[in-house]
């Protein structure tokens, strides 16, 4: 079953580039993970259709708010490491997502 990962940043632009890089990496490795990006304003309407929410590093101040929403929806959550986000490291993001999804984080 495909795991769905939602990336959230302020307006959805930088996380859009990040999601595109992760989708390219997934094509190469054949992982069964789907990456989508949305703005933080669209979080509530998308949370119930994903397995994992990853927040851009510059939004880590909102992790407490996200935590409640995610726990209520039964969704895992975390913060994208700055190193991965800053370099648009698609494979790095896939690895981070797998760690969260497999319960390693």
Protein backbone atom coordinates (compact mmCIF):
# COMPACT_ATOMS: atom_id res chain seq x y z
CA UNK A 1 0.00 0.00 0.00
CA UNK A 2 1.34 3.41 -0.94
CA UNK A 3 2.33 5.60 1.99
CA UNK A 4 1.31 9.22 1.59
CA UNK A 5 3.54 11.99 2.88
CA UNK A 6 2.43 15.60 3.09
CA UNK A 7 5.05 18.37 3.18
CA UNK A 8 4.02 21.70 4.63
CA UNK A 9 5.71 25.07 4.36
CA UNK A 10 4.42 28.61 4.60
CA UNK A 11 2.95 29.08 1.12
CA UNK A 12 3.60 25.64 -0.40
CA UNK A 13 6.26 26.78 -2.88
CA UNK A 14 9.50 25.53 -1.32
CA UNK A 15 7.84 22.31 -0.14
CA UNK A 16 6.62 21.90 -3.73
CA UNK A 17 10.22 21.83 -4.95
CA UNK A 18 11.09 19.46 -2.13
CA UNK A 19 8.21 17.11 -3.01
CA UNK A 20 9.26 17.13 -6.69
CA UNK A 21 12.81 16.16 -5.71
CA UNK A 22 11.47 13.35 -3.51
CA UNK A 23 9.19 12.09 -6.31
CA UNK A 24 12.22 11.89 -8.63
CA UNK A 25 14.13 9.92 -6.00
CA UNK A 26 11.18 7.55 -5.48
CA UNK A 27 11.03 6.86 -9.23
CA UNK A 28 14.66 5.76 -9.14
CA UNK A 29 14.37 3.57 -6.05
CA UNK A 30 10.87 2.21 -6.58
CA UNK A 31 9.76 3.09 -3.03
CA UNK A 32 6.02 2.99 -2.49
CA UNK A 33 5.75 6.53 -1.11
CA UNK A 34 3.79 9.43 -2.54
CA UNK A 35 4.86 13.01 -1.73
CA UNK A 36 2.51 16.01 -1.86
CA UNK A 37 3.10 19.59 -0.79
CA UNK A 38 0.59 22.06 0.61
CA UNK A 39 0.64 25.37 2.41
CA UNK A 40 0.07 25.34 6.16
CA UNK A 41 -3.39 26.85 5.52
CA UNK A 42 -4.41 23.65 3.70
CA UNK A 43 -3.24 21.33 6.46
CA UNK A 44 -6.58 20.63 8.14
CA UNK A 45 -8.34 19.59 4.94
CA UNK A 46 -5.51 17.24 3.90
CA UNK A 47 -4.44 15.62 7.17
CA UNK A 48 -6.89 12.71 7.04
CA UNK A 49 -5.60 11.47 3.70
CA UNK A 50 -1.92 11.06 4.67
CA UNK A 51 0.28 8.74 6.75
CA UNK A 52 3.00 11.25 7.59
CA UNK A 53 3.22 15.03 7.86
CA UNK A 54 6.63 16.64 7.48
CA UNK A 55 7.01 20.31 8.38
CA UNK A 56 9.60 22.61 6.81
CA UNK A 57 12.42 23.44 9.25
CA UNK A 58 11.55 27.15 9.34
CA UNK A 59 8.07 26.24 10.65
CA UNK A 60 9.21 24.13 13.58
CA UNK A 61 7.60 26.68 15.91
CA UNK A 62 4.23 25.26 14.84
CA UNK A 63 5.05 21.62 15.67
CA UNK A 64 3.02 21.77 18.91
CA UNK A 65 -0.12 22.79 16.96
CA UNK A 66 0.58 20.16 14.33
CA UNK A 67 1.14 17.52 17.00
CA UNK A 68 -2.44 17.78 18.27
CA UNK A 69 -3.95 17.68 14.79
CA UNK A 70 -1.78 14.71 13.77
CA UNK A 71 -2.39 12.71 16.94
CA UNK A 72 -6.15 13.22 16.60
CA UNK A 73 -5.97 11.96 13.00
CA UNK A 74 -3.54 9.10 13.78
CA UNK A 75 -0.88 10.61 11.52
CA UNK A 76 2.87 10.51 12.22
CA UNK A 77 4.69 13.84 12.02
CA UNK A 78 8.13 15.38 12.09
CA UNK A 79 10.38 18.20 10.93
CA UNK A 80 12.41 18.00 7.73
CA UNK A 81 16.10 18.36 8.65
CA UNK A 82 17.54 21.72 7.53
CA UNK A 83 20.37 19.99 5.66
CA UNK A 84 17.91 17.98 3.53
CA UNK A 85 15.54 20.91 3.01
CA UNK A 86 18.22 23.48 2.24
CA UNK A 87 19.82 21.32 -0.46
CA UNK A 88 16.50 19.99 -1.87
CA UNK A 89 17.87 16.48 -1.25
CA UNK A 90 15.08 14.26 -2.61
CA UNK A 91 16.72 10.98 -1.59
CA UNK A 92 17.48 12.42 1.83
CA UNK A 93 13.81 13.28 2.24
CA UNK A 94 12.76 9.79 1.18
CA UNK A 95 15.12 8.38 3.83
CA UNK A 96 13.72 10.71 6.51
CA UNK A 97 10.15 9.77 5.56
CA UNK A 98 10.97 6.06 5.73
CA UNK A 99 12.47 6.48 9.20
CA UNK A 100 9.30 8.16 10.48
CA UNK A 101 6.98 5.73 8.70
CA UNK A 102 8.84 2.71 10.07
CA UNK A 103 8.76 4.15 13.57
CA UNK A 104 12.48 4.84 13.82
CA UNK A 105 12.04 8.50 14.78
